[in-house]
Protein backbone atom coordinates (compact mmCIF):
# COMPACT_ATOMS: atom_id res chain seq x y z
CA MET A 1 13.34 -17.05 -11.27
CA TYR A 2 15.91 -14.31 -10.93
CA THR A 3 19.11 -15.01 -11.76
CA GLU A 4 22.27 -13.89 -8.99
CA LYS A 5 23.06 -11.43 -11.83
CA GLU A 6 19.69 -10.53 -12.47
CA VAL A 7 18.77 -9.32 -8.66
CA ARG A 8 21.44 -7.40 -8.79
CA GLU A 9 20.45 -5.37 -11.97
CA MET A 10 17.59 -4.82 -10.11
CA LEU A 11 18.64 -3.49 -6.81
CA ASP A 12 20.96 -1.28 -8.87
CA ASN A 13 18.21 -0.18 -11.32
CA TYR A 14 15.55 0.05 -8.44
CA LYS A 15 15.08 3.68 -8.74
CA PHE A 16 15.27 4.11 -12.27
CA TYR A 17 12.34 1.51 -12.20
CA GLN A 18 10.65 3.53 -9.30
CA ASN A 19 10.94 7.68 -11.71
CA MET A 20 9.51 5.29 -14.91
CA VAL A 21 5.88 3.88 -13.96
CA GLU A 22 5.81 7.31 -11.83
CA ALA A 23 6.41 9.32 -15.20
CA ASP A 24 4.30 7.75 -17.86
CA ILE A 25 6.24 9.39 -19.87
CA TYR A 26 5.26 7.18 -22.35
CA ASP A 27 1.56 8.34 -22.18
CA SER A 28 2.22 11.18 -24.15
CA ASP A 29 3.73 10.21 -27.02
CA SER A 30 2.60 10.52 -30.64
CA THR A 31 2.31 8.98 -33.59
CA SER A 32 2.20 11.49 -36.35
CA VAL A 33 5.49 12.94 -37.71
CA ALA A 34 5.06 17.09 -39.17
CA GLN A 35 5.85 17.11 -42.86
CA TYR A 36 7.68 20.18 -44.36
CA GLY A 37 8.52 21.70 -47.31
CA ILE A 38 9.51 19.03 -50.50
CA GLU A 39 7.92 16.26 -48.20
CA ALA A 40 4.95 16.88 -47.44
CA THR A 41 4.42 16.46 -51.17
CA LEU A 42 5.72 13.41 -51.89
CA PRO A 43 3.83 10.20 -51.56
CA LYS A 44 3.94 8.00 -48.42
CA ALA A 45 5.75 5.01 -47.97
CA LYS A 46 3.78 1.24 -48.63
CA GLY A 47 4.39 -1.81 -45.95
CA THR A 48 3.41 0.06 -42.90
CA THR A 49 -0.39 0.11 -41.04
CA GLY A 50 -2.17 3.32 -42.44
CA ASP A 51 -4.29 2.72 -38.85
CA LYS A 52 -2.88 5.71 -36.26
CA VAL A 53 -5.81 4.36 -33.45
CA LEU A 54 -4.34 0.54 -34.04
CA VAL A 55 -0.64 1.63 -33.91
CA LYS A 56 -0.47 3.40 -30.86
CA VAL A 57 -2.48 0.75 -29.11
CA ILE A 58 0.13 -1.74 -30.37
CA ASN A 59 3.23 0.64 -28.74
CA ARG A 60 1.06 1.05 -25.44
CA ASN A 61 0.66 -2.79 -25.46
CA LYS A 62 4.40 -3.46 -25.99
CA GLN A 63 5.00 -0.28 -23.40
CA TRP A 64 2.23 -1.23 -20.59
CA ARG A 65 4.06 -4.79 -20.51
CA ARG A 66 7.32 -3.87 -20.13
CA LYS A 67 5.47 -1.53 -17.19
CA ILE A 68 3.97 -4.99 -15.77
CA LYS A 69 8.18 -6.67 -15.76
CA MET A 70 9.15 -3.18 -13.68
CA ILE A 71 6.54 -3.29 -11.29
CA GLU A 72 7.04 -7.07 -10.69
CA LYS A 73 11.05 -7.17 -9.76
CA MET A 74 9.85 -3.69 -7.28
CA GLN A 75 7.74 -5.98 -5.53
CA PHE A 76 9.67 -8.96 -5.88
CA ILE A 77 12.64 -7.03 -3.90
CA ASP A 78 9.77 -5.49 -1.62
CA GLU A 79 8.52 -8.37 -0.87
CA HIS A 80 11.43 -10.14 0.00
CA GLU A 81 13.32 -7.50 1.66
CA GLU A 82 12.94 -8.58 5.51
CA TYR A 83 14.71 -11.86 5.28
CA VAL A 84 18.18 -9.35 4.60
CA THR A 85 18.59 -9.71 8.23
CA ASP A 86 22.07 -8.64 9.76
CA GLU A 87 21.26 -4.64 10.08
CA VAL A 88 24.59 -2.57 7.75
CA ASN A 89 22.74 -4.78 4.54
CA TYR A 90 19.22 -3.80 5.26
CA HIS A 91 20.52 -0.64 4.63
CA ILE A 92 22.98 -0.99 2.71
CA LEU A 93 19.92 -2.05 0.50
CA GLN A 94 17.25 0.45 1.72
CA MET A 95 20.41 2.70 -0.03
CA MET A 96 20.92 1.28 -3.23
CA LYS A 97 16.54 1.08 -3.32
CA ARG A 98 16.72 4.98 -3.74
CA GLY A 99 18.99 5.16 -6.31
CA MET A 100 22.49 6.75 -4.64
CA LYS A 101 26.49 5.69 -5.76
CA HIS A 102 27.77 3.00 -4.19
CA LYS A 103 30.14 5.51 -3.31
CA THR A 104 28.06 7.58 -1.11
CA ILE A 105 26.94 3.86 0.43
CA MET A 106 29.99 3.34 1.54
CA ASP A 107 30.96 6.77 3.23
CA ILE A 108 27.18 6.41 4.60
CA ALA A 109 28.31 3.17 5.98
CA CYS A 110 31.94 3.40 7.75
CA ILE A 111 32.55 0.83 5.36
CA ASN A 112 36.33 1.60 4.54
CA SER A 113 36.88 -1.32 1.62
CA ARG A 114 35.67 -2.26 -2.31
CA SER A 115 35.40 -5.84 -1.16
CA ASN A 116 33.56 -5.67 2.13
CA PHE A 117 31.56 -3.71 0.38
CA TYR A 118 30.51 -5.48 -2.90
CA GLY A 119 30.35 -9.17 0.21
CA ARG A 120 27.81 -7.14 1.53
CA VAL A 121 25.74 -7.34 -1.79
CA ASN A 122 26.52 -10.60 -2.83
CA GLU A 123 25.25 -11.59 0.72
CA ILE A 124 21.74 -9.51 0.31
CA VAL A 125 21.68 -11.12 -3.78
CA ASN A 126 22.01 -14.25 -1.75
CA VAL A 127 19.24 -13.46 0.73
CA TYR A 128 17.40 -13.41 -2.08
CA MET A 129 18.34 -15.92 -3.89
CA ASP A 130 17.39 -18.24 -1.41
CA VAL A 131 14.01 -16.79 -0.97
CA GLN A 132 13.56 -18.09 -4.74
CA GLN A 133 14.38 -21.42 -3.69
CA GLY A 134 12.19 -21.52 -1.09
CA ASN A 135 14.45 -21.76 1.99
CA TYR A 136 13.39 -18.84 3.57
CA SER A 137 9.12 -19.11 4.44
């Protein structure tokens, strides 16, 4: 179950999550470090795992778990967006998911005050909080 702060962060970071999942930036990492000059002749550090395959597997497992968390957050937002019934709030949600800046959303939606905009964002967050508490069926 997510807190209000986490739901708001998920809305603001939705596009970031989407980009990270699509990019697969962690698949092209390397465990080796090139050493040149005198560093190449010095003794290697002790106390670290020398098995590069094991290190790679452990790192990929950590990265995979983080990727799964991002996907779960995106699924939560997507699966319950139908409960945002107010037309303007629904479109604000869609623009937030696309990563648009709050000022741009306010201009497009003809919202003149920040308090009105953030009030609408709070309404969206409250819908997601209600969904978690089972207030929608």
